[in-house]
Amino acid sequence: MTTISIRLKDDEKKELEEMCADMGMNISTFYLIYTKKALRDRRIPFDIEAPYDPFYSEMNQAYLRKADHQVKTGHVIEKTMEELEAMEVE
C-alpha cells in the first residue's frame, strides 16, 4: 500500500469534495475508482456525473441572500399588476 499526494488549488479541492459528496463518496474513493477503471480498460475512463443545479451556484445564492436581506429590512418595492402594466413601454 502506498500514499499519493496531489496538489490542487484550494477552490478546486473544495469543488471536488462537494461533487464527490453529491455522489456519496470522498476524494480518496474517487481517485481509487478512477485508477481501477483506468487500469482495467487501459484508457482514460468513463463519465461520473453530479448534476449541476444552477440554483445552488454561489452567484444565485448571493442574489437570494441579498433579496432576503432587502425583504427583511423593508427595502422592497411593491406594485400592483395594473401599475406594472402602466409602466409597459409601447
Protein backbone atom coordinates (compact mmCIF):
# COMPACT_ATOMS: atom_id res chain seq x y z
CA MET A 1 0.00 0.00 0.00
CA THR A 2 1.31 3.47 -0.84
CA THR A 3 0.17 7.06 -0.46
CA ILE A 4 -0.07 9.51 -3.35
CA SER A 5 -0.23 13.27 -2.83
CA ILE A 6 -1.90 15.51 -5.39
CA ARG A 7 -1.62 19.27 -5.42
CA LEU A 8 -4.86 21.11 -6.19
CA LYS A 9 -5.88 24.73 -5.89
CA ASP A 10 -7.95 25.25 -2.74
CA ASP A 11 -11.09 26.16 -4.68
CA GLU A 12 -10.72 23.12 -6.98
CA LYS A 13 -10.31 20.79 -3.99
CA LYS A 14 -13.41 22.26 -2.34
CA GLU A 15 -15.43 21.89 -5.54
CA LEU A 16 -14.20 18.29 -5.99
CA GLU A 17 -15.11 17.47 -2.38
CA GLU A 18 -18.62 18.86 -2.94
CA MET A 19 -19.05 16.95 -6.19
CA CYS A 20 -17.85 13.70 -4.60
CA ALA A 21 -20.18 14.25 -1.63
CA ASP A 22 -23.07 14.64 -4.09
CA MET A 23 -22.16 11.17 -5.38
CA GLY A 24 -21.79 9.71 -1.87
CA MET A 25 -18.01 9.41 -1.75
CA ASN A 26 -14.85 11.24 -0.73
CA ILE A 27 -11.86 12.26 -2.85
CA SER A 28 -9.85 9.14 -1.96
CA THR A 29 -12.67 6.89 -3.15
CA PHE A 30 -13.00 8.99 -6.32
CA TYR A 31 -9.33 8.51 -7.22
CA LEU A 32 -9.40 4.81 -6.29
CA ILE A 33 -12.39 4.20 -8.60
CA TYR A 34 -10.73 6.24 -11.36
CA THR A 35 -7.45 4.33 -11.05
CA LYS A 36 -9.06 0.88 -11.04
CA LYS A 37 -11.16 1.70 -14.09
CA ALA A 38 -8.19 3.18 -15.98
CA LEU A 39 -6.04 0.11 -15.25
CA ARG A 40 -8.78 -2.32 -16.25
CA ASP A 41 -9.66 -0.52 -19.52
CA ARG A 42 -6.15 0.80 -20.30
CA ARG A 43 -7.62 4.22 -21.16
CA ILE A 44 -8.87 7.41 -19.55
CA PRO A 45 -12.14 6.17 -18.09
CA PHE A 46 -15.84 6.87 -18.01
CA ASP A 47 -18.04 9.77 -17.07
CA ILE A 48 -19.20 10.14 -13.48
CA GLU A 49 -21.64 12.97 -13.15
CA ALA A 50 -23.04 15.02 -10.35
CA PRO A 51 -25.90 17.02 -11.83
CA TYR A 52 -25.16 20.73 -11.69
CA ASP A 53 -28.08 22.74 -10.37
CA PRO A 54 -27.53 26.46 -11.09
CA PHE A 55 -29.93 27.29 -8.24
CA TYR A 56 -27.15 26.38 -5.82
CA SER A 57 -24.44 28.36 -7.63
CA GLU A 58 -22.65 30.89 -5.46
CA MET A 59 -23.85 33.74 -7.70
CA ASN A 60 -27.50 32.75 -7.30
CA GLN A 61 -27.13 32.12 -3.57
CA ALA A 62 -25.62 35.61 -3.16
CA TYR A 63 -28.55 37.07 -5.11
CA LEU A 64 -31.04 35.21 -2.88
CA ARG A 65 -29.25 36.37 0.31
CA LYS A 66 -29.38 39.97 -0.96
CA ALA A 67 -33.09 39.67 -1.84
CA ASP A 68 -33.83 38.10 1.56
CA HIS A 69 -31.98 40.95 3.29
CA GLN A 70 -33.97 43.52 1.28
CA VAL A 71 -37.25 41.90 2.29
CA LYS A 72 -36.25 41.68 5.97
CA THR A 73 -35.13 45.33 6.06
CA GLY A 74 -38.19 46.62 4.21
CA HIS A 75 -36.32 47.67 1.06
CA VAL A 76 -38.89 46.20 -1.28
CA ILE A 77 -40.89 47.99 -3.95
CA GLU A 78 -44.40 46.68 -4.31
CA LYS A 79 -46.52 47.32 -7.40
CA THR A 80 -49.90 46.07 -8.49
CA MET A 81 -50.36 44.36 -11.83
CA GLU A 82 -52.08 47.48 -13.10
CA GLU A 83 -49.10 49.63 -12.12
CA LEU A 84 -46.71 47.23 -13.85
CA GLU A 85 -48.84 47.18 -17.00
CA ALA A 86 -48.93 51.00 -16.95
CA MET A 87 -45.12 51.01 -16.93
CA GLU A 88 -45.04 48.87 -20.08
CA VAL A 89 -43.28 50.57 -22.99
CA GLU A 90 -45.29 50.57 -26.18
